[in-house]
Amino acid sequence: MLLNSHRFGGGASGGPPSVGDYWTGEGGFYAGTVVYGDTREFHLILADASTDIIGEQWKTTSTTTSGAGNADDGKANTEAMIAAGSHPVAIEVASLTIDGHSDFYLPSWTEFFALRSALKPLGPWDDGNAQGFESVYYWGSLDLTASTAFAMEFNSGSYAYSTKTETNKNARAIRRVAV
């Protein structure tokens, strides 16, 4: 459960930059903090748009993925997807290395809404801007049913129960750093 969607940084004293700015050495753009229901708190970092994964399946079969049903923790979901095999988009996201970091994953439901809440008001995250999300659905890490997984259209905030084997979705990786 999301308890605190985001805070705004100032970049002073080696801390995070302002929300929406590139966090040098951390692999992406700072998107504020998130606190999960178990009180763990993290800074969210969104990978550059140039690393988007386009047209990859969430899963190659229509079966439930054990351990990928956490609405808060995208990292745990992505790890479960990789352990289970047959999840092309999770494997591609986890293979990213940016600024020396290789701990990227697909966002959960909670993390996706926290990202949108923090970044959407800033404007340059819309379709047509260099870092913007295209007006298509992006895969999340949440397994919903045997045949569907969570996807979100960032610009409108619409979300869908999408067929896992579809290839008309993009994915944007995130990572987190403990506060």
Foldseek 3Di string as FASTA:
>chain_A
DWDDLFDADPCPPNDAHGAQDAGPLPAAGWLGKTADPVGFIWTKGWHAPVLKAAQFFQFQALAFQPQQADQADQLRLLVSSVVVDRGVVSVSQQPDAGSNDRSKGFAHNSNLVSSLVRPVVVPQQDPPHRRHDHQFWAFGRHGDHSFFGWIARSNVRDIDRDGRNGRGHMYIIMDIDTD
